[in-house]
């Protein structure tokens, strides 16, 4: 791939703008300024810098964000901040998208990508990728409510029964459970269906991928192993 095309693929702007970056001496490879837009590159483990900032060539973006409260999963947020405000322009230029959505008042693990196949693999209803949530409830959680969640509940305007697995009571008003679907407001609606209410909701895990020590508002690129962990689904 030519240098100018590589820069364009990484979100640095139009081909003309990338050519100008190169001509301005802004691009370095192996600590040397490169001024040939048509320089042919080996993309494997390619590190480069633009105006002194280091980058690694990435064919696709796979990102894990610990989403803060008060952020919408939308490019055109209306009443709150947008999660996309947490990323720089080069990433946004690549068409970064949320893998599913979290409500503005929900915190926790949110994946983002520019890879359509990866997006489909995690969001298609037939994939049944596990998602683990921890929630604080308005009322104390009863044994009967846990049993109802495990057996499954009906949700208004949805087809089928929605059941949770691995339902664990962490405290009188704190519950952890796993769901495998992804319908609108599913966890909140399931708790309402058994006579309780979610006061705070946090997504802790997708597939086998968790947040580890990622602080709220921070994000990281996923490794190849983590990408596979996020796609894990029970057979």
Protein backbone atom coordinates (compact mmCIF):
# COMPACT_ATOMS: atom_id res chain seq x y z
CA UNK A 1 0.00 0.00 0.00
CA UNK A 2 1.27 3.50 -0.83
CA UNK A 3 2.04 5.85 2.05
CA UNK A 4 -0.65 8.36 1.07
CA UNK A 5 -3.30 5.64 0.90
CA UNK A 6 -2.20 4.18 4.22
CA UNK A 7 -2.61 7.54 5.94
CA UNK A 8 -6.03 7.99 4.38
CA UNK A 9 -7.08 4.50 5.54
CA UNK A 10 -6.08 5.43 9.10
CA UNK A 11 -8.40 8.43 9.19
CA UNK A 12 -6.01 11.31 8.59
CA UNK A 13 -8.19 12.91 5.94
CA UNK A 14 -8.58 13.10 2.20
CA UNK A 15 -5.92 11.81 -0.16
CA UNK A 16 -4.96 15.38 -1.00
CA UNK A 17 -4.61 16.28 2.67
CA UNK A 18 -2.49 13.18 3.33
CA UNK A 19 -0.24 14.11 0.42
CA UNK A 20 0.22 17.54 1.98
CA UNK A 21 1.10 16.01 5.36
CA UNK A 22 3.83 14.02 3.68
CA UNK A 23 5.16 17.00 1.71
CA UNK A 24 5.22 19.07 4.91
CA UNK A 25 7.56 16.53 6.51
CA UNK A 26 4.99 15.60 9.15
CA UNK A 27 5.25 11.83 8.64
CA UNK A 28 8.04 9.65 10.01
CA UNK A 29 8.72 5.93 9.73
CA UNK A 30 11.52 4.38 11.80
CA UNK A 31 12.33 7.86 13.11
CA UNK A 32 13.03 9.13 9.59
CA UNK A 33 10.97 11.71 7.71
CA UNK A 34 9.41 10.28 4.55
CA UNK A 35 8.46 12.66 1.76
CA UNK A 36 7.34 10.29 -0.99
CA UNK A 37 3.53 9.84 -1.08
CA UNK A 38 4.00 6.82 -3.38
CA UNK A 39 6.36 5.00 -1.02
CA UNK A 40 5.21 1.37 -0.92
CA UNK A 41 4.83 0.01 2.59
CA UNK A 42 4.87 -3.35 4.32
CA UNK A 43 1.86 -2.97 6.63
CA UNK A 44 2.76 -5.77 9.03
CA UNK A 45 3.55 -4.24 12.43
CA UNK A 46 3.93 -0.82 10.82
CA UNK A 47 4.63 1.99 13.28
CA UNK A 48 4.66 5.58 12.11
CA UNK A 49 4.28 9.08 13.50
CA UNK A 50 2.44 12.19 12.37
CA UNK A 51 3.63 15.47 13.85
CA UNK A 52 5.48 13.46 16.49
CA UNK A 53 2.51 11.38 17.64
CA UNK A 54 3.05 7.62 17.39
CA UNK A 55 0.59 5.31 15.62
CA UNK A 56 0.33 1.62 14.76
CA UNK A 57 -1.29 0.67 11.46
CA UNK A 58 -4.60 -1.09 12.14
CA UNK A 59 -6.63 -2.63 9.35
CA UNK A 60 -9.71 -2.38 11.56
CA UNK A 61 -10.55 -0.79 14.90
CA UNK A 62 -11.65 -2.90 17.87
CA UNK A 63 -12.09 -0.81 20.99
CA UNK A 64 -13.37 -1.41 24.53
CA UNK A 65 -14.69 1.62 26.42
CA UNK A 66 -15.75 1.81 30.04
CA UNK A 67 -18.73 4.02 29.29
CA UNK A 68 -19.49 6.74 31.84
CA UNK A 69 -22.98 7.77 32.88
CA UNK A 70 -24.50 10.62 30.89
CA UNK A 71 -23.20 9.62 27.46
CA UNK A 72 -25.37 8.56 24.52
CA UNK A 73 -24.33 5.91 21.97
CA UNK A 74 -25.10 8.24 19.09
CA UNK A 75 -23.14 10.49 16.75
CA UNK A 76 -25.89 13.11 17.07
CA UNK A 77 -26.58 13.11 20.80
CA UNK A 78 -29.56 15.29 21.67
CA UNK A 79 -29.72 15.65 25.45
CA UNK A 80 -26.36 14.36 26.70
CA UNK A 81 -22.75 13.94 25.64
CA UNK A 82 -21.93 11.52 22.83
CA UNK A 83 -19.55 8.61 23.50
CA UNK A 84 -17.83 9.61 20.26
CA UNK A 85 -16.62 12.79 21.96
CA UNK A 86 -14.21 10.53 23.86
CA UNK A 87 -12.29 9.69 20.66
CA UNK A 88 -10.06 11.73 18.38
CA UNK A 89 -10.93 12.73 14.85
CA UNK A 90 -8.76 10.13 13.12
CA UNK A 91 -10.83 7.33 14.67
CA UNK A 92 -14.12 9.03 13.86
CA UNK A 93 -13.02 9.52 10.25
CA UNK A 94 -12.82 5.74 9.95
CA UNK A 95 -16.53 5.28 10.63
CA UNK A 96 -16.29 4.07 14.22
CA UNK A 97 -19.60 2.57 15.39
CA UNK A 98 -20.98 1.24 18.68
CA UNK A 99 -21.47 -2.52 18.88
CA UNK A 100 -24.98 -2.37 20.28
CA UNK A 101 -26.01 0.40 22.64
CA UNK A 102 -26.09 1.31 26.30
CA UNK A 103 -28.60 3.83 27.66
CA UNK A 104 -27.16 7.18 28.69
CA UNK A 105 -27.60 6.29 32.37
CA UNK A 106 -26.00 2.83 31.98
CA UNK A 107 -22.27 2.42 32.58
CA UNK A 108 -19.75 -0.25 31.69
CA UNK A 109 -18.34 -2.21 28.80
CA UNK A 110 -19.10 -0.80 25.36
CA UNK A 111 -17.38 -2.10 22.24
CA UNK A 112 -16.77 0.03 19.15
CA UNK A 113 -15.50 -0.95 15.72
CA UNK A 114 -15.28 -0.06 12.04
CA UNK A 115 -15.47 -3.74 11.03
CA UNK A 116 -18.95 -4.58 9.73
CA UNK A 117 -18.45 -8.34 10.04
CA UNK A 118 -17.43 -8.04 13.68
CA UNK A 119 -20.41 -5.79 14.35
CA UNK A 120 -22.74 -8.37 12.80
CA UNK A 121 -21.12 -11.24 14.71
CA UNK A 122 -21.92 -9.60 18.05
CA UNK A 123 -25.29 -7.98 17.37
CA UNK A 124 -27.19 -10.44 15.17
CA UNK A 125 -30.10 -11.88 17.21
CA UNK A 126 -29.15 -15.46 16.30
CA UNK A 127 -25.63 -15.15 17.74
CA UNK A 128 -26.74 -15.10 21.41
CA UNK A 129 -23.53 -13.53 22.72
CA UNK A 130 -23.64 -13.46 26.53
CA UNK A 131 -23.74 -10.10 28.29
CA UNK A 132 -23.27 -9.82 32.06
CA UNK A 133 -24.95 -6.98 33.94
CA UNK A 134 -24.74 -5.80 37.53
CA UNK A 135 -27.61 -3.68 38.80
CA UNK A 136 -28.83 -1.90 41.88
CA UNK A 137 -32.56 -2.22 42.45
CA UNK A 138 -35.21 -0.03 44.06
CA UNK A 139 -36.53 -2.85 46.23
CA UNK A 140 -34.86 -5.82 47.87
CA UNK A 141 -34.56 -8.71 45.44
CA UNK A 142 -36.59 -11.75 46.47
CA UNK A 143 -35.98 -15.42 45.82
CA UNK A 144 -39.22 -15.48 43.84
CA UNK A 145 -37.99 -12.69 41.56
CA UNK A 146 -34.74 -14.56 40.91
CA UNK A 147 -36.70 -17.69 40.05
CA UNK A 148 -38.93 -15.72 37.66
CA UNK A 149 -35.91 -14.20 35.92
CA UNK A 150 -34.34 -17.63 35.47
CA UNK A 151 -37.57 -19.20 34.20
CA UNK A 152 -38.18 -16.32 31.82
CA UNK A 153 -40.62 -13.45 31.49
CA UNK A 154 -42.70 -11.96 28.71
CA UNK A 155 -41.93 -8.43 27.55
CA UNK A 156 -44.53 -6.18 26.01
CA UNK A 157 -44.35 -5.94 22.20
CA UNK A 158 -41.67 -8.65 22.05
CA UNK A 159 -42.01 -12.24 20.88
CA UNK A 160 -40.92 -15.14 23.06
CA UNK A 161 -39.75 -15.62 26.61
CA UNK A 162 -36.74 -13.75 27.98
CA UNK A 163 -34.74 -15.61 30.61
CA UNK A 164 -31.56 -14.76 32.48
CA UNK A 165 -28.79 -17.17 33.42
CA UNK A 166 -26.27 -17.10 36.27
CA UNK A 167 -28.51 -14.88 38.38
CA UNK A 168 -26.58 -14.03 41.55
CA UNK A 169 -27.73 -11.93 44.49
CA UNK A 170 -24.75 -9.78 45.49
CA UNK A 171 -26.58 -7.82 48.19
CA UNK A 172 -30.18 -7.21 49.19
CA UNK A 173 -30.54 -4.58 46.46
CA UNK A 174 -27.77 -5.71 44.11
CA UNK A 175 -28.05 -8.36 41.42
CA UNK A 176 -25.85 -9.83 38.71
CA UNK A 177 -27.25 -11.73 35.75
CA UNK A 178 -26.45 -12.79 32.20
CA UNK A 179 -28.68 -12.26 29.17
CA UNK A 180 -28.21 -13.58 25.65
CA UNK A 181 -30.60 -11.43 23.66
CA UNK A 182 -30.37 -7.70 23.06
CA UNK A 183 -33.82 -6.17 22.81
CA UNK A 184 -34.54 -2.57 23.74
CA UNK A 185 -34.09 -1.87 27.49
CA UNK A 186 -34.15 -5.63 28.07
CA UNK A 187 -32.67 -5.83 31.57
CA UNK A 188 -34.71 -2.93 32.91
CA UNK A 189 -37.88 -4.38 31.42
CA UNK A 190 -37.16 -7.84 32.81
CA UNK A 191 -36.78 -6.44 36.32
CA UNK A 192 -39.99 -4.45 35.89
CA UNK A 193 -41.75 -7.63 34.75
CA UNK A 194 -40.96 -9.33 38.07
CA UNK A 195 -42.07 -6.32 40.11
CA UNK A 196 -38.81 -4.50 40.77
CA UNK A 197 -36.99 -1.53 39.26
CA UNK A 198 -33.40 -0.96 38.13
CA UNK A 199 -31.90 2.12 39.77
CA UNK A 200 -28.43 1.73 38.25
CA UNK A 201 -27.22 -0.62 35.52
CA UNK A 202 -23.65 -1.59 34.67
CA UNK A 203 -22.48 -3.96 31.93
CA UNK A 204 -19.51 -5.92 33.23
CA UNK A 205 -18.82 -8.42 30.47
CA UNK A 206 -19.49 -9.33 26.81
CA UNK A 207 -18.79 -12.93 25.85
CA UNK A 208 -15.71 -13.76 27.90
CA UNK A 209 -14.38 -10.19 27.76
CA UNK A 210 -14.54 -8.02 30.88
CA UNK A 211 -13.37 -4.53 31.75
CA UNK A 212 -10.48 -5.69 33.95
CA UNK A 213 -8.97 -2.51 35.44
CA UNK A 214 -10.22 -0.06 32.81
CA UNK A 215 -11.24 3.18 34.54
CA UNK A 216 -14.55 4.87 33.75
CA UNK A 217 -14.22 6.97 30.61
CA UNK A 218 -11.05 5.20 29.46
CA UNK A 219 -10.71 2.97 26.40
CA UNK A 220 -8.22 0.49 24.94
CA UNK A 221 -7.61 -1.31 21.66
CA UNK A 222 -8.53 -4.99 21.87
CA UNK A 223 -5.90 -7.65 21.28
CA UNK A 224 -6.67 -10.50 18.88
CA UNK A 225 -7.36 -12.77 21.87
CA UNK A 226 -9.76 -10.23 23.39
CA UNK A 227 -11.61 -9.91 20.09
CA UNK A 228 -12.26 -13.65 20.16
CA UNK A 229 -13.26 -13.52 23.84
CA UNK A 230 -15.89 -10.89 23.04
CA UNK A 231 -17.49 -13.17 20.43
CA UNK A 232 -17.79 -16.17 22.76
CA UNK A 233 -21.25 -17.68 22.95
CA UNK A 234 -22.51 -20.73 24.77
CA UNK A 235 -23.35 -23.66 22.51
